[in-house]
Structure formats: C-alpha cells, structure tokens
Amino acid sequence: TYSSQPRRNEKIATAIMPAGDPSVLLFTSESVIHASVGGKSGDLTIKNAGAFHTIGAGEIVDLQYITGGTGDFSGATGAIRASGTFVNGSGQSEYEGMICLP
C-alpha cells in the first residue's frame, strides 16, 4: 500500500471536458510519478481520469491506473487515488493506493 507524496509528478492532459456544473471539469491524462516508497525508487507510468474544481481552492481528485514503471518499479501495476488542489498551473496532492510488483 502506497500512502505518500511522490518526489515529483509530470502530467499531460489527453482530454478535458465540461461536467454538469460549469465550475467542474473532467479530465483524462497520462503521467509519470518519480517515487520512493518502502526503500524502492523509480518512475511509475500512469493513466488518469478525474475531476477538478476550477474556482476556489481548485480541489482535484483522480484515479490513477499504473501501467508500468522503471527502476525498482519495472513491471508495476496497481491503482492510486490522488486528491488535493490545483491552482494557476500547479498543485499539491496526497496519494493512496496499491503498487503491485512482479
């Protein structure tokens, strides 16, 4: 189980679409988390889907499906839930989930 903050996260949106509330946007993206967990380190390759609030604190939540990795995370699978804030092009999130290694 992974409950931590990664060292760094690089994310590229693949789609952004409106939700029923005009202040909420839905998104899909691909990302790489540069992580150190339980004495292991490397990159986790991720496909994401989530929603974020475009006003106020910029709340964000997304489900991240692990599709692979590098270093100690080579061949990783699993899922991570992220929640946090995203304002003016940057943010901070907490991550919780499971990383499965071969």
N, C-alpha and C. Protein backbone atom coordinates (compact mmCIF):
# COMPACT_ATOMS: atom_id res chain seq x y z
N THR A 1 0.85 -1.18 0.00
CA THR A 1 0.00 0.00 0.00
C THR A 1 0.89 1.23 0.00
N TYR A 2 0.52 2.18 -0.81
CA TYR A 2 1.28 3.42 -1.01
C TYR A 2 0.47 4.57 -0.47
N SER A 3 0.97 5.23 0.55
CA SER A 3 0.30 6.41 1.10
C SER A 3 1.38 7.43 1.37
N SER A 4 1.58 8.33 0.41
CA SER A 4 2.72 9.21 0.49
C SER A 4 2.56 10.35 -0.48
N GLN A 5 3.58 11.19 -0.57
CA GLN A 5 3.66 12.20 -1.60
C GLN A 5 4.87 11.86 -2.44
N PRO A 6 4.71 11.81 -3.76
CA PRO A 6 5.84 11.47 -4.62
C PRO A 6 6.85 12.60 -4.64
N ARG A 7 8.05 12.27 -5.13
CA ARG A 7 9.07 13.31 -5.27
C ARG A 7 8.65 14.32 -6.32
N ARG A 8 8.06 13.88 -7.41
CA ARG A 8 7.65 14.77 -8.49
C ARG A 8 6.67 14.03 -9.38
N ASN A 9 5.76 14.78 -10.00
CA ASN A 9 4.74 14.20 -10.85
C ASN A 9 4.66 15.04 -12.13
N GLU A 10 4.78 14.40 -13.28
CA GLU A 10 4.64 15.07 -14.56
C GLU A 10 3.37 14.55 -15.22
N LYS A 11 2.46 15.47 -15.57
CA LYS A 11 1.16 15.07 -16.10
C LYS A 11 0.86 15.85 -17.37
N ILE A 12 0.33 15.14 -18.39
CA ILE A 12 -0.10 15.77 -19.64
C ILE A 12 -1.55 15.38 -19.88
N ALA A 13 -2.44 16.38 -19.98
CA ALA A 13 -3.86 16.11 -20.22
C ALA A 13 -4.05 15.56 -21.63
N THR A 14 -4.85 14.49 -21.75
CA THR A 14 -5.19 13.94 -23.06
C THR A 14 -6.59 14.36 -23.47
N ALA A 15 -7.42 14.77 -22.51
CA ALA A 15 -8.77 15.29 -22.80
C ALA A 15 -9.26 16.08 -21.59
N ILE A 16 -9.95 17.19 -21.86
CA ILE A 16 -10.61 17.97 -20.82
C ILE A 16 -12.01 18.26 -21.31
N MET A 17 -13.02 17.97 -20.47
CA MET A 17 -14.40 18.15 -20.89
C MET A 17 -15.23 18.72 -19.75
N PRO A 18 -16.29 19.45 -20.08
CA PRO A 18 -17.14 20.02 -19.03
C PRO A 18 -17.96 18.95 -18.31
N ALA A 19 -18.29 19.24 -17.06
CA ALA A 19 -19.18 18.38 -16.28
C ALA A 19 -20.53 19.09 -16.21
N GLY A 20 -21.49 18.58 -15.48
CA GLY A 20 -22.79 19.21 -15.34
C GLY A 20 -22.73 20.58 -14.67
N ASP A 21 -21.76 20.77 -13.78
CA ASP A 21 -21.54 22.05 -13.09
C ASP A 21 -20.47 22.82 -13.88
N PRO A 22 -20.73 24.05 -14.28
CA PRO A 22 -19.74 24.78 -15.09
C PRO A 22 -18.42 25.07 -14.37
N SER A 23 -18.37 24.92 -13.05
CA SER A 23 -17.12 25.16 -12.33
C SER A 23 -16.32 23.87 -12.13
N VAL A 24 -16.77 22.76 -12.75
CA VAL A 24 -16.08 21.48 -12.64
C VAL A 24 -15.71 20.99 -14.03
N LEU A 25 -14.47 20.55 -14.20
CA LEU A 25 -14.02 19.95 -15.45
C LEU A 25 -13.58 18.52 -15.19
N LEU A 26 -13.87 17.65 -16.14
CA LEU A 26 -13.42 16.26 -16.12
C LEU A 26 -12.19 16.16 -17.00
N PHE A 27 -11.29 15.24 -16.68
CA PHE A 27 -10.08 15.10 -17.50
C PHE A 27 -9.61 13.66 -17.56
N THR A 28 -8.86 13.37 -18.60
CA THR A 28 -8.03 12.17 -18.67
C THR A 28 -6.61 12.66 -18.93
N SER A 29 -5.64 11.90 -18.47
CA SER A 29 -4.26 12.31 -18.67
C SER A 29 -3.33 11.12 -18.56
N GLU A 30 -2.10 11.36 -18.94
CA GLU A 30 -1.02 10.39 -18.75
C GLU A 30 0.02 11.08 -17.89
N SER A 31 0.59 10.35 -16.95
CA SER A 31 1.58 10.97 -16.08
C SER A 31 2.67 9.99 -15.70
N VAL A 32 3.72 10.56 -15.15
CA VAL A 32 4.83 9.80 -14.60
C VAL A 32 5.06 10.31 -13.19
N ILE A 33 5.07 9.41 -12.22
CA ILE A 33 5.37 9.77 -10.84
C ILE A 33 6.78 9.27 -10.54
N HIS A 34 7.65 10.19 -10.15
CA HIS A 34 9.00 9.85 -9.72
C HIS A 34 8.90 9.59 -8.21
N ALA A 35 8.98 8.31 -7.81
CA ALA A 35 8.62 7.95 -6.44
C ALA A 35 9.71 7.19 -5.71
N SER A 36 9.68 7.30 -4.39
CA SER A 36 10.45 6.47 -3.47
C SER A 36 9.48 5.96 -2.43
N VAL A 37 9.30 4.65 -2.40
CA VAL A 37 8.33 4.03 -1.50
C VAL A 37 8.95 2.78 -0.90
N GLY A 38 8.96 2.68 0.42
CA GLY A 38 9.42 1.47 1.08
C GLY A 38 10.81 1.02 0.66
N GLY A 39 11.72 1.96 0.47
CA GLY A 39 13.09 1.63 0.07
C GLY A 39 13.26 1.36 -1.41
N LYS A 40 12.20 1.46 -2.18
CA LYS A 40 12.26 1.27 -3.63
C LYS A 40 12.12 2.63 -4.30
N SER A 41 12.75 2.77 -5.48
CA SER A 41 12.62 4.03 -6.19
C SER A 41 12.60 3.79 -7.69
N GLY A 42 12.01 4.74 -8.40
CA GLY A 42 11.90 4.67 -9.85
C GLY A 42 10.71 5.50 -10.28
N ASP A 43 10.31 5.30 -11.52
CA ASP A 43 9.17 6.02 -12.07
C ASP A 43 7.98 5.08 -12.22
N LEU A 44 6.78 5.60 -11.97
CA LEU A 44 5.53 4.88 -12.21
C LEU A 44 4.85 5.54 -13.39
N THR A 45 4.49 4.75 -14.40
CA THR A 45 3.77 5.24 -15.57
C THR A 45 2.28 5.08 -15.30
N ILE A 46 1.51 6.15 -15.53
CA ILE A 46 0.13 6.22 -15.06
C ILE A 46 -0.81 6.69 -16.17
N LYS A 47 -2.03 6.14 -16.20
CA LYS A 47 -3.17 6.68 -16.96
C LYS A 47 -4.18 7.15 -15.93
N ASN A 48 -4.66 8.40 -16.06
CA ASN A 48 -5.51 9.03 -15.05
C ASN A 48 -6.88 9.40 -15.61
N ALA A 49 -7.86 9.48 -14.72
CA ALA A 49 -9.17 10.07 -15.02
C ALA A 49 -9.65 10.75 -13.75
N GLY A 50 -10.14 11.98 -13.87
CA GLY A 50 -10.56 12.68 -12.67
C GLY A 50 -11.37 13.92 -12.95
N ALA A 51 -11.52 14.72 -11.90
CA ALA A 51 -12.29 15.96 -11.97
C ALA A 51 -11.61 17.01 -11.12
N PHE A 52 -11.74 18.29 -11.55
CA PHE A 52 -11.25 19.37 -10.70
C PHE A 52 -12.16 20.57 -10.74
N HIS A 53 -12.15 21.28 -9.63
CA HIS A 53 -12.97 22.46 -9.41
C HIS A 53 -12.17 23.66 -9.92
N THR A 54 -12.71 24.42 -10.85
CA THR A 54 -11.95 25.49 -11.49
C THR A 54 -11.96 26.80 -10.71
N ILE A 55 -12.69 26.86 -9.60
CA ILE A 55 -12.73 28.08 -8.78
C ILE A 55 -12.38 27.73 -7.35
N GLY A 56 -12.23 28.74 -6.53
CA GLY A 56 -11.94 28.50 -5.12
C GLY A 56 -10.57 27.87 -4.92
N ALA A 57 -10.51 26.83 -4.11
CA ALA A 57 -9.25 26.17 -3.77
C ALA A 57 -8.74 25.26 -4.89
N GLY A 58 -9.54 25.04 -5.94
CA GLY A 58 -9.10 24.19 -7.05
C GLY A 58 -9.00 22.72 -6.66
N GLU A 59 -9.98 22.23 -5.92
CA GLU A 59 -9.95 20.83 -5.48
C GLU A 59 -9.87 19.90 -6.69
N ILE A 60 -9.08 18.83 -6.52
CA ILE A 60 -8.90 17.85 -7.59
C ILE A 60 -8.90 16.45 -6.99
N VAL A 61 -9.48 15.50 -7.72
CA VAL A 61 -9.44 14.09 -7.34
C VAL A 61 -9.31 13.27 -8.61
N ASP A 62 -8.46 12.24 -8.56
CA ASP A 62 -8.38 11.37 -9.73
C ASP A 62 -7.96 9.96 -9.37
N LEU A 63 -8.36 9.04 -10.25
CA LEU A 63 -7.98 7.63 -10.14
C LEU A 63 -6.85 7.41 -11.12
N GLN A 64 -5.76 6.84 -10.62
CA GLN A 64 -4.58 6.64 -11.44
C GLN A 64 -4.32 5.14 -11.57
N TYR A 65 -4.35 4.65 -12.82
CA TYR A 65 -4.09 3.24 -13.10
C TYR A 65 -2.63 3.09 -13.50
N ILE A 66 -1.87 2.31 -12.75
CA ILE A 66 -0.44 2.11 -13.02
C ILE A 66 -0.29 1.13 -14.18
N THR A 67 0.40 1.58 -15.23
CA THR A 67 0.58 0.75 -16.43
C THR A 67 2.00 0.22 -16.59
N GLY A 68 2.91 0.61 -15.71
CA GLY A 68 4.30 0.14 -15.80
C GLY A 68 5.19 1.01 -14.95
N GLY A 69 6.50 0.80 -15.09
CA GLY A 69 7.43 1.58 -14.32
C GLY A 69 8.86 1.33 -14.72
N THR A 70 9.77 2.03 -14.04
CA THR A 70 11.21 1.88 -14.26
C THR A 70 11.88 1.64 -12.91
N GLY A 71 13.16 1.30 -12.97
CA GLY A 71 13.91 1.07 -11.74
C GLY A 71 13.29 -0.06 -10.94
N ASP A 72 13.15 0.14 -9.63
CA ASP A 72 12.56 -0.88 -8.77
C ASP A 72 11.09 -1.13 -9.08
N PHE A 73 10.45 -0.22 -9.85
CA PHE A 73 9.03 -0.35 -10.19
C PHE A 73 8.81 -0.94 -11.59
N SER A 74 9.83 -1.52 -12.18
CA SER A 74 9.69 -2.13 -13.51
C SER A 74 8.61 -3.21 -13.48
N GLY A 75 7.66 -3.12 -14.41
CA GLY A 75 6.57 -4.09 -14.49
C GLY A 75 5.45 -3.84 -13.50
N ALA A 76 5.45 -2.70 -12.82
CA ALA A 76 4.44 -2.41 -11.80
C ALA A 76 3.04 -2.30 -12.40
N THR A 77 2.05 -2.67 -11.60
CA THR A 77 0.64 -2.46 -11.89
C THR A 77 -0.01 -1.94 -10.61
N GLY A 78 -1.29 -1.63 -10.67
CA GLY A 78 -1.99 -1.20 -9.47
C GLY A 78 -2.82 0.04 -9.72
N ALA A 79 -3.30 0.63 -8.64
CA ALA A 79 -4.13 1.83 -8.74
C ALA A 79 -3.84 2.74 -7.56
N ILE A 80 -3.92 4.05 -7.82
CA ILE A 80 -3.67 5.07 -6.81
C ILE A 80 -4.79 6.10 -6.89
N ARG A 81 -5.26 6.55 -5.74
CA ARG A 81 -6.22 7.66 -5.70
C ARG A 81 -5.46 8.90 -5.24
N ALA A 82 -5.63 9.98 -5.99
CA ALA A 82 -4.99 11.24 -5.63
C ALA A 82 -6.06 12.27 -5.31
N SER A 83 -5.82 13.09 -4.30
CA SER A 83 -6.72 14.20 -4.00
C SER A 83 -5.88 15.36 -3.50
N GLY A 84 -6.30 16.57 -3.88
CA GLY A 84 -5.55 17.74 -3.46
C GLY A 84 -6.11 18.99 -4.08
N THR A 85 -5.21 19.90 -4.46
CA THR A 85 -5.60 21.18 -5.06
C THR A 85 -4.76 21.44 -6.31
N PHE A 86 -5.32 22.24 -7.23
CA PHE A 86 -4.63 22.61 -8.46
C PHE A 86 -5.08 24.02 -8.83
N VAL A 87 -4.18 25.01 -8.70
CA VAL A 87 -4.49 26.41 -8.96
C VAL A 87 -3.35 27.03 -9.75
N ASN A 88 -3.68 27.82 -10.77
CA ASN A 88 -2.68 28.55 -11.56
C ASN A 88 -1.58 27.65 -12.13
N GLY A 89 -1.94 26.47 -12.59
CA GLY A 89 -0.98 25.59 -13.25
C GLY A 89 -0.11 24.74 -12.35
N SER A 90 -0.32 24.78 -11.04
CA SER A 90 0.44 23.90 -10.15
C SER A 90 -0.45 23.46 -9.00
N GLY A 91 -0.02 22.40 -8.33
CA GLY A 91 -0.84 21.90 -7.24
C GLY A 91 -0.08 20.97 -6.33
N GLN A 92 -0.82 20.46 -5.37
CA GLN A 92 -0.27 19.52 -4.41
C GLN A 92 -1.34 18.48 -4.11
N SER A 93 -0.95 17.21 -4.11
CA SER A 93 -1.91 16.13 -3.86
C SER A 93 -1.32 15.11 -2.91
N GLU A 94 -2.20 14.37 -2.26
CA GLU A 94 -1.83 13.20 -1.46
C GLU A 94 -2.25 11.97 -2.25
N TYR A 95 -1.46 10.91 -2.15
CA TYR A 95 -1.67 9.70 -2.93
C TYR A 95 -1.87 8.53 -1.99
N GLU A 96 -2.83 7.67 -2.33
CA GLU A 96 -3.08 6.47 -1.56
C GLU A 96 -3.49 5.36 -2.51
N GLY A 97 -2.92 4.18 -2.37
CA GLY A 97 -3.29 3.09 -3.26
C GLY A 97 -2.37 1.90 -3.09
N MET A 98 -2.33 1.08 -4.14
CA MET A 98 -1.53 -0.14 -4.09
C MET A 98 -0.66 -0.24 -5.33
N ILE A 99 0.63 -0.48 -5.11
CA ILE A 99 1.57 -0.74 -6.19
C ILE A 99 1.90 -2.24 -6.13
N CYS A 100 1.62 -2.94 -7.22
CA CYS A 100 1.88 -4.38 -7.29
C CYS A 100 3.12 -4.61 -8.16
N LEU A 101 4.07 -5.37 -7.64
CA LEU A 101 5.31 -5.66 -8.36
C LEU A 101 5.36 -7.13 -8.75
N PRO A 102 5.95 -7.40 -9.92
CA PRO A 102 6.02 -8.81 -10.37
C PRO A 102 6.90 -9.65 -9.45
